[in-house]
Each structure stands twice: as C-alpha cells, then as structure tokens.
Amino acid sequence: MYSFYILSSERLHRYYTGSCVDLDKRLMEHNRGQSRYTKHGLPWRLVCRFEVSSRSEALKLEMKIKKRGAARFLSDLN
C-alpha cells in the first residue's frame, strides 16, 4: 500500500503534498529537516492521508492535487 499525504506548516502557512510507502518514517524525516523542500517549514503536521494500492495511483493523485492546489482540495473535502 502507498500513502498520499498532505502536510501543513503553520510557520510558512503552506501545504506540502507527497506520497510514500511508510508514512510514519517519512513524516519523521520531514520534521527532522531531512527533506530539501520541507526543512524550512518545521514542524509539519499531517492534515490528510489516503491509502492507495499502487505507486502509480499515488503519483497520479499527488499530481492532480498539486495542479489544483492543496488548500482548494481540502476545502472541497469539507
């Protein structure tokens, strides 16, 4: 199973979207500053998570939401 996720940084007032196999490990890496794109927004908080069956499905969902914008996607969920 693959996870697609959206993180939020209160410091930057921004969202980050990504996909991975082990979400707990990946979130820890983000919050340790080990990711180039998220190291300046510490701490990151998990806002949304979806489980999908394949990597390609996770990447398609990630690209779709990145094009649309995470904030807009999240507002449409509510």
PDB file of N, CA and C in Angstrom:
ATOM      1  N   MET A   1       0.837  -1.187   0.000  1.00  0.00           N
ATOM      2  CA  MET A   1       0.000   0.000   0.000  1.00  0.00           C
ATOM      3  C   MET A   1       0.882   1.250   0.000  1.00  0.00           C
ATOM      4  N   TYR A   2       0.418   2.243  -0.704  1.00  0.00           N
ATOM      5  CA  TYR A   2       1.093   3.532  -0.764  1.00  0.00           C
ATOM      6  C   TYR A   2       0.213   4.579  -0.114  1.00  0.00           C
ATOM      7  N   SER A   3       0.844   5.562   0.479  1.00  0.00           N
ATOM      8  CA  SER A   3       0.112   6.661   1.096  1.00  0.00           C
ATOM      9  C   SER A   3       0.349   7.932   0.304  1.00  0.00           C
ATOM     10  N   PHE A   4      -0.723   8.636   0.055  1.00  0.00           N
ATOM     11  CA  PHE A   4      -0.639  10.002  -0.453  1.00  0.00           C
ATOM     12  C   PHE A   4      -0.983  10.880   0.739  1.00  0.00           C
ATOM     13  N   TYR A   5      -0.248  11.962   0.943  1.00  0.00           N
ATOM     14  CA  TYR A   5      -0.470  12.759   2.136  1.00  0.00           C
ATOM     15  C   TYR A   5      -0.337  14.251   1.860  1.00  0.00           C
ATOM     16  N   ILE A   6      -0.942  15.039   2.740  1.00  0.00           N
ATOM     17  CA  ILE A   6      -0.819  16.489   2.714  1.00  0.00           C
ATOM     18  C   ILE A   6      -0.366  16.923   4.102  1.00  0.00           C
ATOM     19  N   LEU A   7       0.705  17.708   4.139  1.00  0.00           N
ATOM     20  CA  LEU A   7       1.233  18.253   5.376  1.00  0.00           C
ATOM     21  C   LEU A   7       0.972  19.754   5.420  1.00  0.00           C
ATOM     22  N   SER A   8       0.939  20.298   6.619  1.00  0.00           N
ATOM     23  CA  SER A   8       0.727  21.726   6.794  1.00  0.00           C
ATOM     24  C   SER A   8       1.830  22.296   7.678  1.00  0.00           C
ATOM     25  N   SER A   9       2.328  23.473   7.302  1.00  0.00           N
ATOM     26  CA  SER A   9       3.312  24.188   8.108  1.00  0.00           C
ATOM     27  C   SER A   9       2.675  25.484   8.590  1.00  0.00           C
ATOM     28  N   GLU A  10       2.493  25.622   9.896  1.00  0.00           N
ATOM     29  CA  GLU A  10       1.940  26.869  10.427  1.00  0.00           C
ATOM     30  C   GLU A  10       2.960  27.987  10.299  1.00  0.00           C
ATOM     31  N   ARG A  11       4.206  27.654  10.347  1.00  0.00           N
ATOM     32  CA  ARG A  11       5.281  28.652  10.236  1.00  0.00           C
ATOM     33  C   ARG A  11       5.262  29.342   8.871  1.00  0.00           C
ATOM     34  N   LEU A  12       5.092  28.546   7.805  1.00  0.00           N
ATOM     35  CA  LEU A  12       5.106  29.096   6.451  1.00  0.00           C
ATOM     36  C   LEU A  12       3.718  29.365   5.893  1.00  0.00           C
ATOM     37  N   HIS A  13       2.685  28.844   6.580  1.00  0.00           N
ATOM     38  CA  HIS A  13       1.306  28.928   6.081  1.00  0.00           C
ATOM     39  C   HIS A  13       1.219  28.311   4.686  1.00  0.00           C
ATOM     40  N   ARG A  14       1.800  27.121   4.565  1.00  0.00           N
ATOM     41  CA  ARG A  14       1.835  26.407   3.287  1.00  0.00           C
ATOM     42  C   ARG A  14       1.516  24.941   3.495  1.00  0.00           C
ATOM     43  N   TYR A  15       1.189  24.296   2.378  1.00  0.00           N
ATOM     44  CA  TYR A  15       0.947  22.861   2.371  1.00  0.00           C
ATOM     45  C   TYR A  15       2.032  22.175   1.554  1.00  0.00           C
ATOM     46  N   TYR A  16       2.245  20.906   1.860  1.00  0.00           N
ATOM     47  CA  TYR A  16       3.169  20.080   1.093  1.00  0.00           C
ATOM     48  C   TYR A  16       2.453  18.769   0.808  1.00  0.00           C
ATOM     49  N   THR A  17       2.519  18.315  -0.423  1.00  0.00           N
ATOM     50  CA  THR A  17       1.899  17.038  -0.787  1.00  0.00           C
ATOM     51  C   THR A  17       2.981  16.060  -1.194  1.00  0.00           C
ATOM     52  N   GLY A  18       2.750  14.802  -0.881  1.00  0.00           N
ATOM     53  CA  GLY A  18       3.720  13.777  -1.234  1.00  0.00           C
ATOM     54  C   GLY A  18       3.103  12.395  -1.193  1.00  0.00           C
ATOM     55  N   SER A  19       3.907  11.406  -1.537  1.00  0.00           N
ATOM     56  CA  SER A  19       3.464  10.017  -1.471  1.00  0.00           C
ATOM     57  C   SER A  19       4.654   9.163  -1.045  1.00  0.00           C
ATOM     58  N   CYS A  20       4.359   8.044  -0.378  1.00  0.00           N
ATOM     59  CA  CYS A  20       5.413   7.174   0.131  1.00  0.00           C
ATOM     60  C   CYS A  20       4.817   5.830   0.542  1.00  0.00           C
ATOM     61  N   VAL A  21       5.674   4.922   0.941  1.00  0.00           N
ATOM     62  CA  VAL A  21       5.245   3.616   1.428  1.00  0.00           C
ATOM     63  C   VAL A  21       5.062   3.654   2.951  1.00  0.00           C
ATOM     64  N   ASP A  22       6.012   4.242   3.666  1.00  0.00           N
ATOM     65  CA  ASP A  22       5.987   4.285   5.132  1.00  0.00           C
ATOM     66  C   ASP A  22       5.780   5.727   5.585  1.00  0.00           C
ATOM     67  N   LEU A  23       4.539   6.103   5.832  1.00  0.00           N
ATOM     68  CA  LEU A  23       4.218   7.492   6.155  1.00  0.00           C
ATOM     69  C   LEU A  23       4.808   7.931   7.487  1.00  0.00           C
ATOM     70  N   ASP A  24       4.814   7.085   8.479  1.00  0.00           N
ATOM     71  CA  ASP A  24       5.386   7.464   9.781  1.00  0.00           C
ATOM     72  C   ASP A  24       6.863   7.830   9.636  1.00  0.00           C
ATOM     73  N   LYS A  25       7.593   7.021   8.907  1.00  0.00           N
ATOM     74  CA  LYS A  25       9.020   7.281   8.685  1.00  0.00           C
ATOM     75  C   LYS A  25       9.202   8.571   7.887  1.00  0.00           C
ATOM     76  N   ARG A  26       8.390   8.758   6.858  1.00  0.00           N
ATOM     77  CA  ARG A  26       8.517   9.938   6.006  1.00  0.00           C
ATOM     78  C   ARG A  26       8.188  11.218   6.772  1.00  0.00           C
ATOM     79  N   LEU A  27       7.166  11.188   7.607  1.00  0.00           N
ATOM     80  CA  LEU A  27       6.807  12.361   8.409  1.00  0.00           C
ATOM     81  C   LEU A  27       7.941  12.708   9.379  1.00  0.00           C
ATOM     82  N   MET A  28       8.567  11.682   9.945  1.00  0.00           N
ATOM     83  CA  MET A  28       9.706  11.898  10.829  1.00  0.00           C
ATOM     84  C   MET A  28      10.853  12.577  10.066  1.00  0.00           C
ATOM     85  N   GLU A  29      11.096  12.137   8.828  1.00  0.00           N
ATOM     86  CA  GLU A  29      12.157  12.738   8.010  1.00  0.00           C
ATOM     87  C   GLU A  29      11.844  14.212   7.732  1.00  0.00           C
ATOM     88  N   HIS A  30      10.586  14.505   7.406  1.00  0.00           N
ATOM     89  CA  HIS A  30      10.195  15.901   7.170  1.00  0.00           C
ATOM     90  C   HIS A  30      10.461  16.744   8.420  1.00  0.00           C
ATOM     91  N   ASN A  31      10.081  16.247   9.575  1.00  0.00           N
ATOM     92  CA  ASN A  31      10.205  17.015  10.811  1.00  0.00           C
ATOM     93  C   ASN A  31      11.609  17.038  11.397  1.00  0.00           C
ATOM     94  N   ARG A  32      12.504  16.250  10.856  1.00  0.00           N
ATOM     95  CA  ARG A  32      13.926  16.309  11.241  1.00  0.00           C
ATOM     96  C   ARG A  32      14.709  17.220  10.302  1.00  0.00           C
ATOM     97  N   GLY A  33      14.050  17.761   9.294  1.00  0.00           N
ATOM     98  CA  GLY A  33      14.726  18.635   8.346  1.00  0.00           C
ATOM     99  C   GLY A  33      15.520  17.885   7.301  1.00  0.00           C
ATOM    100  N   GLN A  34      15.193  16.615   7.062  1.00  0.00           N
ATOM    101  CA  GLN A  34      15.943  15.789   6.121  1.00  0.00           C
ATOM    102  C   GLN A  34      15.406  15.870   4.704  1.00  0.00           C
ATOM    103  N   SER A  35      14.384  16.670   4.482  1.00  0.00           N
ATOM    104  CA  SER A  35      13.830  16.838   3.146  1.00  0.00           C
ATOM    105  C   SER A  35      14.130  18.255   2.662  1.00  0.00           C
ATOM    106  N   ARG A  36      14.700  18.346   1.514  1.00  0.00           N
ATOM    107  CA  ARG A  36      15.120  19.631   0.948  1.00  0.00           C
ATOM    108  C   ARG A  36      13.976  20.633   0.869  1.00  0.00           C
ATOM    109  N   TYR A  37      12.796  20.163   0.495  1.00  0.00           N
ATOM    110  CA  TYR A  37      11.676  21.067   0.255  1.00  0.00           C
ATOM    111  C   TYR A  37      10.899  21.434   1.508  1.00  0.00           C
ATOM    112  N   THR A  38      11.080  20.707   2.588  1.00  0.00           N
ATOM    113  CA  THR A  38      10.287  20.984   3.780  1.00  0.00           C
ATOM    114  C   THR A  38      11.107  21.398   4.990  1.00  0.00           C
ATOM    115  N   LYS A  39      12.411  21.474   4.870  1.00  0.00           N
ATOM    116  CA  LYS A  39      13.242  21.737   6.045  1.00  0.00           C
ATOM    117  C   LYS A  39      13.038  23.129   6.640  1.00  0.00           C
ATOM    118  N   HIS A  40      12.516  24.075   5.871  1.00  0.00           N
ATOM    119  CA  HIS A  40      12.333  25.433   6.377  1.00  0.00           C
ATOM    120  C   HIS A  40      10.976  25.663   7.026  1.00  0.00           C
ATOM    121  N   GLY A  41      10.082  24.693   6.952  1.00  0.00           N
ATOM    122  CA  GLY A  41       8.740  24.882   7.479  1.00  0.00           C
ATOM    123  C   GLY A  41       8.447  24.118   8.749  1.00  0.00           C
ATOM    124  N   LEU A  42       9.470  23.682   9.453  1.00  0.00           N
ATOM    125  CA  LEU A  42       9.278  22.857  10.647  1.00  0.00           C
ATOM    126  C   LEU A  42       8.453  23.581  11.707  1.00  0.00           C
ATOM    127  N   PRO A  43       7.635  22.888  12.433  1.00  0.00           N
ATOM    128  CA  PRO A  43       7.238  21.490  12.288  1.00  0.00           C
ATOM    129  C   PRO A  43       6.100  21.336  11.280  1.00  0.00           C
ATOM    130  N   TRP A  44       6.011  20.158  10.690  1.00  0.00           N
ATOM    131  CA  TRP A  44       4.950  19.829   9.746  1.00  0.00           C
ATOM    132  C   TRP A  44       3.929  18.952  10.447  1.00  0.00           C
ATOM    133  N   ARG A  45       2.675  19.174  10.122  1.00  0.00           N
ATOM    134  CA  ARG A  45       1.600  18.393  10.727  1.00  0.00           C
ATOM    135  C   ARG A  45       0.810  17.709   9.620  1.00  0.00           C
ATOM    136  N   LEU A  46       0.465  16.466   9.842  1.00  0.00           N
ATOM    137  CA  LEU A  46      -0.300  15.682   8.873  1.00  0.00           C
ATOM    138  C   LEU A  46      -1.745  16.168   8.864  1.00  0.00           C
ATOM    139  N   VAL A  47      -2.220  16.570   7.678  1.00  0.00           N
ATOM    140  CA  VAL A  47      -3.576  17.103   7.530  1.00  0.00           C
ATOM    141  C   VAL A  47      -4.501  16.067   6.906  1.00  0.00           C
ATOM    142  N   CYS A  48      -3.987  15.336   5.940  1.00  0.00           N
ATOM    143  CA  CYS A  48      -4.826  14.428   5.167  1.00  0.00           C
ATOM    144  C   CYS A  48      -3.979  13.255   4.681  1.00  0.00           C
ATOM    145  N   ARG A  49      -4.608  12.084   4.636  1.00  0.00           N
ATOM    146  CA  ARG A  49      -3.895  10.880   4.193  1.00  0.00           C
ATOM    147  C   ARG A  49      -4.866   9.981   3.435  1.00  0.00           C
ATOM    148  N   PHE A  50      -4.399   9.432   2.318  1.00  0.00           N
ATOM    149  CA  PHE A  50      -5.171   8.474   1.540  1.00  0.00           C
ATOM    150  C   PHE A  50      -4.300   7.255   1.275  1.00  0.00           C
ATOM    151  N   GLU A  51      -4.870   6.082   1.395  1.00  0.00           N
ATOM    152  CA  GLU A  51      -4.181   4.837   1.085  1.00  0.00           C
ATOM    153  C   GLU A  51      -4.616   4.384  -0.303  1.00  0.00           C
ATOM    154  N   VAL A  52      -3.653   4.069  -1.154  1.00  0.00           N
ATOM    155  CA  VAL A  52      -3.929   3.564  -2.498  1.00  0.00           C
ATOM    156  C   VAL A  52      -3.124   2.291  -2.715  1.00  0.00           C
ATOM    157  N   SER A  53      -3.505   1.522  -3.726  1.00  0.00           N
ATOM    158  CA  SER A  53      -2.897   0.203  -3.904  1.00  0.00           C
ATOM    159  C   SER A  53      -1.582   0.199  -4.675  1.00  0.00           C
ATOM    160  N   SER A  54      -1.302   1.250  -5.443  1.00  0.00           N
ATOM    161  CA  SER A  54      -0.072   1.227  -6.249  1.00  0.00           C
ATOM    162  C   SER A  54       0.632   2.579  -6.223  1.00  0.00           C
ATOM    163  N   ARG A  55       1.903   2.551  -6.539  1.00  0.00           N
ATOM    164  CA  ARG A  55       2.696   3.774  -6.596  1.00  0.00           C
ATOM    165  C   ARG A  55       2.183   4.700  -7.690  1.00  0.00           C
ATOM    166  N   SER A  56       1.821   4.126  -8.831  1.00  0.00           N
ATOM    167  CA  SER A  56       1.339   4.966  -9.931  1.00  0.00           C
ATOM    168  C   SER A  56       0.042   5.675  -9.554  1.00  0.00           C
ATOM    169  N   GLU A  57      -0.824   4.997  -8.821  1.00  0.00           N
ATOM    170  CA  GLU A  57      -2.064   5.621  -8.367  1.00  0.00           C
ATOM    171  C   GLU A  57      -1.770   6.768  -7.389  1.00  0.00           C
ATOM    172  N   ALA A  58      -0.809   6.560  -6.498  1.00  0.00           N
ATOM    173  CA  ALA A  58      -0.420   7.597  -5.537  1.00  0.00           C
ATOM    174  C   ALA A  58       0.159   8.809  -6.265  1.00  0.00           C
ATOM    175  N   LEU A  59       1.005   8.575  -7.262  1.00  0.00           N
ATOM    176  CA  LEU A  59       1.606   9.681  -8.006  1.00  0.00           C
ATOM    177  C   LEU A  59       0.573  10.442  -8.829  1.00  0.00           C
ATOM    178  N   LYS A  60      -0.398   9.737  -9.401  1.00  0.00           N
ATOM    179  CA  LYS A  60      -1.463  10.406 -10.153  1.00  0.00           C
ATOM    180  C   LYS A  60      -2.268  11.318  -9.242  1.00  0.00           C
ATOM    181  N   LEU A  61      -2.617  10.823  -8.076  1.00  0.00           N
ATOM    182  CA  LEU A  61      -3.371  11.631  -7.115  1.00  0.00           C
ATOM    183  C   LEU A  61      -2.547  12.826  -6.653  1.00  0.00           C
ATOM    184  N   GLU A  62      -1.271  12.611  -6.408  1.00  0.00           N
ATOM    185  CA  GLU A  62      -0.378  13.694  -5.990  1.00  0.00           C
ATOM    186  C   GLU A  62      -0.303  14.785  -7.062  1.00  0.00           C
ATOM    187  N   MET A  63      -0.104  14.399  -8.304  1.00  0.00           N
ATOM    188  CA  MET A  63      -0.018  15.380  -9.391  1.00  0.00           C
ATOM    189  C   MET A  63      -1.335  16.136  -9.578  1.00  0.00           C
ATOM    190  N   LYS A  64      -2.441  15.427  -9.481  1.00  0.00           N
ATOM    191  CA  LYS A  64      -3.761  16.042  -9.626  1.00  0.00           C
ATOM    192  C   LYS A  64      -3.959  17.132  -8.567  1.00  0.00           C
ATOM    193  N   ILE A  65      -3.595  16.832  -7.337  1.00  0.00           N
ATOM    194  CA  ILE A  65      -3.802  17.790  -6.254  1.00  0.00           C
ATOM    195  C   ILE A  65      -2.784  18.919  -6.321  1.00  0.00           C
ATOM    196  N   LYS A  66      -1.563  18.631  -6.734  1.00  0.00           N
ATOM    197  CA  LYS A  66      -0.571  19.694  -6.881  1.00  0.00           C
ATOM    198  C   LYS A  66      -0.999  20.701  -7.942  1.00  0.00           C
ATOM    199  N   LYS A  67      -1.601  20.231  -9.020  1.00  0.00           N
ATOM    200  CA  LYS A  67      -2.089  21.140 -10.069  1.00  0.00           C
ATOM    201  C   LYS A  67      -3.222  22.015  -9.552  1.00  0.00           C
ATOM    202  N   ARG A  68      -4.086  21.419  -8.771  1.00  0.00           N
ATOM    203  CA  ARG A  68      -5.264  22.120  -8.270  1.00  0.00           C
ATOM    204  C   ARG A  68      -4.945  22.998  -7.073  1.00  0.00           C
ATOM    205  N   GLY A  69      -4.018  22.571  -6.237  1.00  0.00           N
ATOM    206  CA  GLY A  69      -3.680  23.263  -5.013  1.00  0.00           C
ATOM    207  C   GLY A  69      -4.236  22.523  -3.812  1.00  0.00           C
ATOM    208  N   ALA A  70      -3.406  22.296  -2.829  1.00  0.00           N
ATOM    209  CA  ALA A  70      -3.817  21.526  -1.657  1.00  0.00           C
ATOM    210  C   ALA A  70      -4.911  22.235  -0.861  1.00  0.00           C
ATOM    211  N   ALA A  71      -4.815  23.551  -0.716  1.00  0.00           N
ATOM    212  CA  ALA A  71      -5.820  24.287   0.058  1.00  0.00           C
ATOM    213  C   ALA A  71      -7.195  24.152  -0.604  1.00  0.00           C
ATOM    214  N   ARG A  72      -7.242  24.278  -1.888  1.00  0.00           N
ATOM    215  CA  ARG A  72      -8.517  24.156  -2.603  1.00  0.00           C
ATOM    216  C   ARG A  72      -9.074  22.727  -2.498  1.00  0.00           C
ATOM    217  N   PHE A  73      -8.186  21.745  -2.632  1.00  0.00           N
ATOM    218  CA  PHE A  73      -8.600  20.353  -2.497  1.00  0.00           C
ATOM    219  C   PHE A  73      -9.192  20.105  -1.111  1.00  0.00           C
ATOM    220  N   LEU A  74      -8.523  20.580  -0.074  1.00  0.00           N
ATOM    221  CA  LEU A  74      -9.000  20.376   1.298  1.00  0.00           C
ATOM    222  C   LEU A  74     -10.315  21.090   1.554  1.00  0.00           C
ATOM    223  N   SER A  75     -10.489  22.260   0.984  1.00  0.00           N
ATOM    224  CA  SER A  75     -11.763  22.982   1.184  1.00  0.00           C
ATOM    225  C   SER A  75     -12.912  22.258   0.486  1.00  0.00           C
ATOM    226  N   ASP A  76     -12.630  21.584  -0.617  1.00  0.00           N
ATOM    227  CA  ASP A  76     -13.664  20.817  -1.328  1.00  0.00           C
ATOM    228  C   ASP A  76     -14.056  19.553  -0.573  1.00  0.00           C
ATOM    229  N   LEU A  77     -13.164  19.041   0.288  1.00  0.00           N
ATOM    230  CA  LEU A  77     -13.481  17.854   1.079  1.00  0.00           C
ATOM    231  C   LEU A  77     -14.530  18.140   2.144  1.00  0.00           C
ATOM    232  N   ASN A  78     -14.522  19.371   2.622  1.00  0.00           N
ATOM    233  CA  ASN A  78     -15.459  19.732   3.704  1.00  0.00           C
ATOM    234  C   ASN A  78     -16.775  20.160   3.206  1.00  0.00           C
TER     235      ASN A  78
END
